[in-house]
PDB file of N, CA and C in Angstrom:
ATOM      1  N   UNK A   1       0.843  -1.176   0.000  1.00  0.00           N
ATOM      2  CA  UNK A   1       0.000   0.000   0.000  1.00  0.00           C
ATOM      3  C   UNK A   1       0.889   1.240   0.000  1.00  0.00           C
ATOM      4  N   UNK A   2       0.493   2.236  -0.725  1.00  0.00           N
ATOM      5  CA  UNK A   2       1.245   3.480  -0.833  1.00  0.00           C
ATOM      6  C   UNK A   2       1.273   4.204   0.522  1.00  0.00           C
ATOM      7  N   UNK A   3       2.383   4.884   0.813  1.00  0.00           N
ATOM      8  CA  UNK A   3       2.567   5.553   2.098  1.00  0.00           C
ATOM      9  C   UNK A   3       1.448   6.549   2.387  1.00  0.00           C
ATOM     10  N   UNK A   4       1.047   7.320   1.392  1.00  0.00           N
ATOM     11  CA  UNK A   4      -0.015   8.309   1.600  1.00  0.00           C
ATOM     12  C   UNK A   4      -1.310   7.623   2.027  1.00  0.00           C
ATOM     13  N   UNK A   5      -1.624   6.507   1.415  1.00  0.00           N
ATOM     14  CA  UNK A   5      -2.829   5.760   1.770  1.00  0.00           C
ATOM     15  C   UNK A   5      -2.715   5.177   3.178  1.00  0.00           C
ATOM     16  N   UNK A   6      -1.541   4.653   3.516  1.00  0.00           N
ATOM     17  CA  UNK A   6      -1.313   4.131   4.866  1.00  0.00           C
ATOM     18  C   UNK A   6      -1.501   5.245   5.894  1.00  0.00           C
ATOM     19  N   UNK A   7      -0.972   6.431   5.572  1.00  0.00           N
ATOM     20  CA  UNK A   7      -1.085   7.581   6.469  1.00  0.00           C
ATOM     21  C   UNK A   7      -2.549   7.969   6.657  1.00  0.00           C
ATOM     22  N   UNK A   8      -3.287   8.068   5.564  1.00  0.00           N
ATOM     23  CA  UNK A   8      -4.706   8.427   5.645  1.00  0.00           C
ATOM     24  C   UNK A   8      -5.489   7.401   6.455  1.00  0.00           C
ATOM     25  N   UNK A   9      -5.171   6.123   6.282  1.00  0.00           N
ATOM     26  CA  UNK A   9      -5.818   5.072   7.072  1.00  0.00           C
ATOM     27  C   UNK A   9      -5.477   5.222   8.555  1.00  0.00           C
ATOM     28  N   UNK A  10      -4.212   5.523   8.844  1.00  0.00           N
ATOM     29  CA  UNK A  10      -3.783   5.691  10.237  1.00  0.00           C
ATOM     30  C   UNK A  10      -4.475   6.887  10.881  1.00  0.00           C
ATOM     31  N   UNK A  11      -4.656   7.961  10.116  1.00  0.00           N
ATOM     32  CA  UNK A  11      -5.360   9.134  10.644  1.00  0.00           C
ATOM     33  C   UNK A  11      -6.787   8.739  11.031  1.00  0.00           C
ATOM     34  N   UNK A  12      -7.450   7.997  10.166  1.00  0.00           N
ATOM     35  CA  UNK A  12      -8.815   7.541  10.468  1.00  0.00           C
ATOM     36  C   UNK A  12      -8.822   6.607  11.673  1.00  0.00           C
ATOM     37  N   UNK A  13      -7.853   5.699  11.743  1.00  0.00           N
ATOM     38  CA  UNK A  13      -7.772   4.751  12.854  1.00  0.00           C
ATOM     39  C   UNK A  13      -7.446   5.446  14.174  1.00  0.00           C
ATOM     40  N   UNK A  14      -6.728   6.560  14.112  1.00  0.00           N
ATOM     41  CA  UNK A  14      -6.355   7.268  15.342  1.00  0.00           C
ATOM     42  C   UNK A  14      -7.581   7.809  16.065  1.00  0.00           C
ATOM     43  N   UNK A  15      -8.667   7.974  15.344  1.00  0.00           N
ATOM     44  CA  UNK A  15      -9.895   8.491  15.941  1.00  0.00           C
ATOM     45  C   UNK A  15     -10.716   7.389  16.613  1.00  0.00           C
ATOM     46  N   UNK A  16     -10.320   6.131  16.402  1.00  0.00           N
ATOM     47  CA  UNK A  16     -11.080   5.011  16.969  1.00  0.00           C
ATOM     48  C   UNK A  16     -10.194   4.086  17.791  1.00  0.00           C
ATOM     49  N   UNK A  17      -9.193   4.639  18.466  1.00  0.00           N
ATOM     50  CA  UNK A  17      -8.305   3.837  19.303  1.00  0.00           C
ATOM     51  C   UNK A  17      -9.085   3.262  20.481  1.00  0.00           C
ATOM     52  N   UNK A  18      -8.681   2.086  20.976  1.00  0.00           N
ATOM     53  CA  UNK A  18      -9.407   1.455  22.076  1.00  0.00           C
ATOM     54  C   UNK A  18      -9.432   2.297  23.352  1.00  0.00           C
ATOM     55  N   UNK A  19      -8.375   3.065  23.606  1.00  0.00           N
ATOM     56  CA  UNK A  19      -8.367   3.951  24.770  1.00  0.00           C
ATOM     57  C   UNK A  19      -7.674   5.250  24.401  1.00  0.00           C
ATOM     58  N   UNK A  20      -8.033   6.314  25.118  1.00  0.00           N
ATOM     59  CA  UNK A  20      -7.464   7.624  24.822  1.00  0.00           C
ATOM     60  C   UNK A  20      -5.989   7.646  25.211  1.00  0.00           C
ATOM     61  N   UNK A  21      -5.119   8.056  24.276  1.00  0.00           N
ATOM     62  CA  UNK A  21      -3.687   8.138  24.591  1.00  0.00           C
ATOM     63  C   UNK A  21      -3.396   9.250  25.601  1.00  0.00           C
ATOM     64  N   UNK A  22      -2.232   9.185  26.197  1.00  0.00           N
ATOM     65  CA  UNK A  22      -1.795  10.230  27.124  1.00  0.00           C
ATOM     66  C   UNK A  22      -1.604  11.540  26.364  1.00  0.00           C
ATOM     67  N   UNK A  23      -1.531  12.631  27.091  1.00  0.00           N
ATOM     68  CA  UNK A  23      -1.316  13.936  26.463  1.00  0.00           C
ATOM     69  C   UNK A  23      -0.004  13.963  25.682  1.00  0.00           C
ATOM     70  N   UNK A  24       1.016  13.298  26.214  1.00  0.00           N
ATOM     71  CA  UNK A  24       2.317  13.240  25.533  1.00  0.00           C
ATOM     72  C   UNK A  24       2.186  12.559  24.166  1.00  0.00           C
ATOM     73  N   UNK A  25       1.455  11.449  24.117  1.00  0.00           N
ATOM     74  CA  UNK A  25       1.252  10.726  22.855  1.00  0.00           C
ATOM     75  C   UNK A  25       0.378  11.552  21.916  1.00  0.00           C
ATOM     76  N   UNK A  26      -0.631  12.220  22.462  1.00  0.00           N
ATOM     77  CA  UNK A  26      -1.486  13.076  21.625  1.00  0.00           C
ATOM     78  C   UNK A  26      -0.666  14.194  20.980  1.00  0.00           C
ATOM     79  N   UNK A  27       0.259  14.774  21.737  1.00  0.00           N
ATOM     80  CA  UNK A  27       1.132  15.811  21.176  1.00  0.00           C
ATOM     81  C   UNK A  27       2.034  15.232  20.091  1.00  0.00           C
ATOM     82  N   UNK A  28       2.501  14.013  20.304  1.00  0.00           N
ATOM     83  CA  UNK A  28       3.341  13.369  19.300  1.00  0.00           C
ATOM     84  C   UNK A  28       2.544  13.121  18.022  1.00  0.00           C
ATOM     85  N   UNK A  29       1.324  12.626  18.164  1.00  0.00           N
ATOM     86  CA  UNK A  29       0.461  12.411  16.997  1.00  0.00           C
ATOM     87  C   UNK A  29       0.213  13.729  16.272  1.00  0.00           C
ATOM     88  N   UNK A  30      -0.105  14.767  17.036  1.00  0.00           N
ATOM     89  CA  UNK A  30      -0.367  16.086  16.458  1.00  0.00           C
ATOM     90  C   UNK A  30       0.838  16.602  15.681  1.00  0.00           C
ATOM     91  N   UNK A  31       2.007  16.544  16.315  1.00  0.00           N
ATOM     92  CA  UNK A  31       3.197  17.115  15.677  1.00  0.00           C
ATOM     93  C   UNK A  31       3.602  16.330  14.429  1.00  0.00           C
ATOM     94  N   UNK A  32       3.481  15.016  14.480  1.00  0.00           N
ATOM     95  CA  UNK A  32       3.802  14.212  13.295  1.00  0.00           C
ATOM     96  C   UNK A  32       2.801  14.475  12.172  1.00  0.00           C
ATOM     97  N   UNK A  33       1.510  14.622  12.538  1.00  0.00           N
ATOM     98  CA  UNK A  33       0.488  14.921  11.541  1.00  0.00           C
ATOM     99  C   UNK A  33       0.774  16.262  10.868  1.00  0.00           C
ATOM    100  N   UNK A  34       1.062  17.287  11.669  1.00  0.00           N
ATOM    101  CA  UNK A  34       1.331  18.615  11.113  1.00  0.00           C
ATOM    102  C   UNK A  34       2.586  18.605  10.233  1.00  0.00           C
ATOM    103  N   UNK A  35       3.620  17.899  10.674  1.00  0.00           N
ATOM    104  CA  UNK A  35       4.852  17.823   9.895  1.00  0.00           C
ATOM    105  C   UNK A  35       4.599  17.097   8.581  1.00  0.00           C
ATOM    106  N   UNK A  36       3.789  16.046   8.630  1.00  0.00           N
ATOM    107  CA  UNK A  36       3.501  15.261   7.424  1.00  0.00           C
ATOM    108  C   UNK A  36       2.628  16.022   6.443  1.00  0.00           C
ATOM    109  N   UNK A  37       1.732  16.851   6.950  1.00  0.00           N
ATOM    110  CA  UNK A  37       0.786  17.528   6.061  1.00  0.00           C
ATOM    111  C   UNK A  37       1.204  18.945   5.687  1.00  0.00           C
ATOM    112  N   UNK A  38       1.956  19.628   6.567  1.00  0.00           N
ATOM    113  CA  UNK A  38       2.305  21.024   6.306  1.00  0.00           C
ATOM    114  C   UNK A  38       3.800  21.300   6.253  1.00  0.00           C
ATOM    115  N   UNK A  39       4.619  20.363   6.727  1.00  0.00           N
ATOM    116  CA  UNK A  39       6.060  20.598   6.750  1.00  0.00           C
ATOM    117  C   UNK A  39       6.466  21.347   8.007  1.00  0.00           C
ATOM    118  N   UNK A  40       7.623  21.994   7.951  1.00  0.00           N
ATOM    119  CA  UNK A  40       8.166  22.680   9.126  1.00  0.00           C
ATOM    120  C   UNK A  40       7.228  23.777   9.627  1.00  0.00           C
ATOM    121  N   UNK A  41       7.213  23.933  10.957  1.00  0.00           N
ATOM    122  CA  UNK A  41       6.403  24.963  11.605  1.00  0.00           C
ATOM    123  C   UNK A  41       6.902  26.341  11.172  1.00  0.00           C
ATOM    124  N   UNK A  42       5.973  27.266  11.041  1.00  0.00           N
ATOM    125  CA  UNK A  42       6.333  28.641  10.715  1.00  0.00           C
ATOM    126  C   UNK A  42       5.740  29.549  11.775  1.00  0.00           C
ATOM    127  N   UNK A  43       6.283  30.713  11.926  1.00  0.00           N
ATOM    128  CA  UNK A  43       5.749  31.665  12.890  1.00  0.00           C
ATOM    129  C   UNK A  43       6.351  31.493  14.267  1.00  0.00           C
ATOM    130  N   UNK A  44       5.949  32.403  15.121  1.00  0.00           N
ATOM    131  CA  UNK A  44       6.491  32.492  16.472  1.00  0.00           C
ATOM    132  C   UNK A  44       5.770  31.608  17.474  1.00  0.00           C
ATOM    133  N   UNK A  45       4.607  31.150  17.149  1.00  0.00           N
ATOM    134  CA  UNK A  45       3.816  30.411  18.118  1.00  0.00           C
ATOM    135  C   UNK A  45       2.743  31.308  18.701  1.00  0.00           C
ATOM    136  N   UNK A  46       2.015  30.834  19.688  1.00  0.00           N
ATOM    137  CA  UNK A  46       0.900  31.601  20.243  1.00  0.00           C
ATOM    138  C   UNK A  46       1.388  32.868  20.947  1.00  0.00           C
ATOM    139  N   UNK A  47       0.643  33.949  20.772  1.00  0.00           N
ATOM    140  CA  UNK A  47       1.034  35.212  21.400  1.00  0.00           C
ATOM    141  C   UNK A  47       0.554  35.290  22.844  1.00  0.00           C
ATOM    142  N   UNK A  48      -0.476  34.526  23.182  1.00  0.00           N
ATOM    143  CA  UNK A  48      -0.996  34.521  24.540  1.00  0.00           C
ATOM    144  C   UNK A  48      -0.130  33.595  25.404  1.00  0.00           C
ATOM    145  N   UNK A  49       0.605  34.142  26.369  1.00  0.00           N
ATOM    146  CA  UNK A  49       1.491  33.296  27.178  1.00  0.00           C
ATOM    147  C   UNK A  49       0.746  32.309  28.076  1.00  0.00           C
ATOM    148  N   UNK A  50      -0.554  32.495  28.231  1.00  0.00           N
ATOM    149  CA  UNK A  50      -1.340  31.604  29.084  1.00  0.00           C
ATOM    150  C   UNK A  50      -2.088  30.537  28.298  1.00  0.00           C
ATOM    151  N   UNK A  51      -1.877  30.517  26.987  1.00  0.00           N
ATOM    152  CA  UNK A  51      -2.498  29.473  26.157  1.00  0.00           C
ATOM    153  C   UNK A  51      -1.538  28.285  26.125  1.00  0.00           C
ATOM    154  N   UNK A  52      -1.559  27.520  27.219  1.00  0.00           N
ATOM    155  CA  UNK A  52      -0.595  26.444  27.405  1.00  0.00           C
ATOM    156  C   UNK A  52      -0.759  25.320  26.385  1.00  0.00           C
ATOM    157  N   UNK A  53      -1.984  25.049  25.983  1.00  0.00           N
ATOM    158  CA  UNK A  53      -2.236  23.983  25.008  1.00  0.00           C
ATOM    159  C   UNK A  53      -1.636  24.357  23.655  1.00  0.00           C
ATOM    160  N   UNK A  54      -1.911  25.574  23.198  1.00  0.00           N
ATOM    161  CA  UNK A  54      -1.369  26.017  21.910  1.00  0.00           C
ATOM    162  C   UNK A  54       0.156  26.051  21.953  1.00  0.00           C
ATOM    163  N   UNK A  55       0.699  26.483  23.077  1.00  0.00           N
ATOM    164  CA  UNK A  55       2.167  26.533  23.217  1.00  0.00           C
ATOM    165  C   UNK A  55       2.759  25.121  23.163  1.00  0.00           C
ATOM    166  N   UNK A  56       2.129  24.176  23.846  1.00  0.00           N
ATOM    167  CA  UNK A  56       2.614  22.787  23.844  1.00  0.00           C
ATOM    168  C   UNK A  56       2.550  22.207  22.429  1.00  0.00           C
ATOM    169  N   UNK A  57       1.467  22.484  21.723  1.00  0.00           N
ATOM    170  CA  UNK A  57       1.330  21.983  20.349  1.00  0.00           C
ATOM    171  C   UNK A  57       2.407  22.589  19.448  1.00  0.00           C
ATOM    172  N   UNK A  58       2.604  23.892  19.579  1.00  0.00           N
ATOM    173  CA  UNK A  58       3.610  24.573  18.754  1.00  0.00           C
ATOM    174  C   UNK A  58       5.004  24.008  19.039  1.00  0.00           C
ATOM    175  N   UNK A  59       5.327  23.835  20.312  1.00  0.00           N
ATOM    176  CA  UNK A  59       6.645  23.312  20.689  1.00  0.00           C
ATOM    177  C   UNK A  59       6.847  21.884  20.187  1.00  0.00           C
ATOM    178  N   UNK A  60       5.795  21.068  20.287  1.00  0.00           N
ATOM    179  CA  UNK A  60       5.892  19.677  19.817  1.00  0.00           C
ATOM    180  C   UNK A  60       6.137  19.646  18.311  1.00  0.00           C
ATOM    181  N   UNK A  61       5.426  20.491  17.585  1.00  0.00           N
ATOM    182  CA  UNK A  61       5.604  20.544  16.136  1.00  0.00           C
ATOM    183  C   UNK A  61       6.994  21.064  15.792  1.00  0.00           C
ATOM    184  N   UNK A  62       7.445  22.054  16.555  1.00  0.00           N
ATOM    185  CA  UNK A  62       8.772  22.634  16.322  1.00  0.00           C
ATOM    186  C   UNK A  62       9.875  21.589  16.490  1.00  0.00           C
ATOM    187  N   UNK A  63       9.660  20.618  17.380  1.00  0.00           N
ATOM    188  CA  UNK A  63      10.638  19.546  17.593  1.00  0.00           C
ATOM    189  C   UNK A  63      10.776  18.639  16.374  1.00  0.00           C
ATOM    190  N   UNK A  64       9.794  18.666  15.479  1.00  0.00           N
ATOM    191  CA  UNK A  64       9.845  17.847  14.256  1.00  0.00           C
ATOM    192  C   UNK A  64      10.575  18.570  13.118  1.00  0.00           C
ATOM    193  N   UNK A  65      11.014  19.781  13.370  1.00  0.00           N
ATOM    194  CA  UNK A  65      11.667  20.627  12.361  1.00  0.00           C
ATOM    195  C   UNK A  65      12.726  19.843  11.580  1.00  0.00           C
ATOM    196  N   UNK A  66      12.663  19.939  10.255  1.00  0.00           N
ATOM    197  CA  UNK A  66      13.658  19.309   9.401  1.00  0.00           C
ATOM    198  C   UNK A  66      13.328  17.883   8.999  1.00  0.00           C
ATOM    199  N   UNK A  67      12.330  17.286   9.640  1.00  0.00           N
ATOM    200  CA  UNK A  67      11.935  15.911   9.307  1.00  0.00           C
ATOM    201  C   UNK A  67      11.148  15.942   8.001  1.00  0.00           C
ATOM    202  N   UNK A  68      11.444  15.026   7.101  1.00  0.00           N
ATOM    203  CA  UNK A  68      10.725  14.992   5.831  1.00  0.00           C
ATOM    204  C   UNK A  68       9.276  14.583   6.053  1.00  0.00           C
ATOM    205  N   UNK A  69       8.420  14.972   5.115  1.00  0.00           N
ATOM    206  CA  UNK A  69       7.008  14.607   5.211  1.00  0.00           C
ATOM    207  C   UNK A  69       6.851  13.089   5.204  1.00  0.00           C
ATOM    208  N   UNK A  70       7.667  12.410   4.405  1.00  0.00           N
ATOM    209  CA  UNK A  70       7.594  10.951   4.315  1.00  0.00           C
ATOM    210  C   UNK A  70       7.979  10.295   5.640  1.00  0.00           C
ATOM    211  N   UNK A  71       9.046  10.796   6.271  1.00  0.00           N
ATOM    212  CA  UNK A  71       9.464  10.244   7.569  1.00  0.00           C
ATOM    213  C   UNK A  71       8.392  10.481   8.624  1.00  0.00           C
ATOM    214  N   UNK A  72       7.784  11.672   8.609  1.00  0.00           N
ATOM    215  CA  UNK A  72       6.724  11.970   9.568  1.00  0.00           C
ATOM    216  C   UNK A  72       5.522  11.050   9.355  1.00  0.00           C
ATOM    217  N   UNK A  73       5.173  10.805   8.097  1.00  0.00           N
ATOM    218  CA  UNK A  73       4.062   9.892   7.799  1.00  0.00           C
ATOM    219  C   UNK A  73       4.371   8.486   8.305  1.00  0.00           C
ATOM    220  N   UNK A  74       5.595   8.022   8.043  1.00  0.00           N
ATOM    221  CA  UNK A  74       6.001   6.678   8.460  1.00  0.00           C
ATOM    222  C   UNK A  74       5.939   6.546   9.974  1.00  0.00           C
ATOM    223  N   UNK A  75       6.439   7.550  10.693  1.00  0.00           N
ATOM    224  CA  UNK A  75       6.414   7.514  12.156  1.00  0.00           C
ATOM    225  C   UNK A  75       4.986   7.567  12.689  1.00  0.00           C
ATOM    226  N   UNK A  76       4.137   8.363  12.049  1.00  0.00           N
ATOM    227  CA  UNK A  76       2.732   8.467  12.464  1.00  0.00           C
ATOM    228  C   UNK A  76       2.040   7.116  12.320  1.00  0.00           C
ATOM    229  N   UNK A  77       2.228   6.482  11.164  1.00  0.00           N
ATOM    230  CA  UNK A  77       1.616   5.172  10.906  1.00  0.00           C
ATOM    231  C   UNK A  77       2.092   4.161  11.955  1.00  0.00           C
ATOM    232  N   UNK A  78       3.401   4.139  12.230  1.00  0.00           N
ATOM    233  CA  UNK A  78       3.958   3.195  13.195  1.00  0.00           C
ATOM    234  C   UNK A  78       3.401   3.456  14.599  1.00  0.00           C
ATOM    235  N   UNK A  79       3.261   4.719  14.978  1.00  0.00           N
ATOM    236  CA  UNK A  79       2.747   5.068  16.303  1.00  0.00           C
ATOM    237  C   UNK A  79       1.290   4.620  16.449  1.00  0.00           C
ATOM    238  N   UNK A  80       0.479   4.861  15.430  1.00  0.00           N
ATOM    239  CA  UNK A  80      -0.934   4.455  15.494  1.00  0.00           C
ATOM    240  C   UNK A  80      -1.030   2.932  15.570  1.00  0.00           C
ATOM    241  N   UNK A  81      -0.207   2.230  14.808  1.00  0.00           N
ATOM    242  CA  UNK A  81      -0.226   0.761  14.859  1.00  0.00           C
ATOM    243  C   UNK A  81       0.130   0.260  16.258  1.00  0.00           C
ATOM    244  N   UNK A  82       1.129   0.911  16.868  1.00  0.00           N
ATOM    245  CA  UNK A  82       1.540   0.528  18.217  1.00  0.00           C
ATOM    246  C   UNK A  82       0.404   0.789  19.225  1.00  0.00           C
ATOM    247  N   UNK A  83      -0.292   1.908  19.067  1.00  0.00           N
ATOM    248  CA  UNK A  83      -1.379   2.256  19.979  1.00  0.00           C
ATOM    249  C   UNK A  83      -2.577   1.316  19.813  1.00  0.00           C
ATOM    250  N   UNK A  84      -2.748   0.792  18.608  1.00  0.00           N
ATOM    251  CA  UNK A  84      -3.855  -0.140  18.358  1.00  0.00           C
ATOM    252  C   UNK A  84      -3.601  -1.480  19.033  1.00  0.00           C
ATOM    253  N   UNK A  85      -2.342  -1.773  19.285  1.00  0.00           N
ATOM    254  CA  UNK A  85      -1.995  -3.010  19.986  1.00  0.00           C
ATOM    255  C   UNK A  85      -1.709  -4.167  19.132  1.00  0.00           C
TER     256      UNK A  85
END
């Protein structure tokens, strides 16, 4: 199966996991998804210093900086498979 199709399937499967992942895993899924679909993060991040969720998401995505879209897709697929058990 083509990587893009595997990624799209994993995105759909991530919404039906048997149990809700930890916040750390959710941030990892988010950052890999953003890297795979949009590439490197741009901008400064959230301007509101008290928007902790947006800041955490921005920082997680920023940690993926430089990773190719293909590598991010592969890691996302592998993570979802691991979470499915």
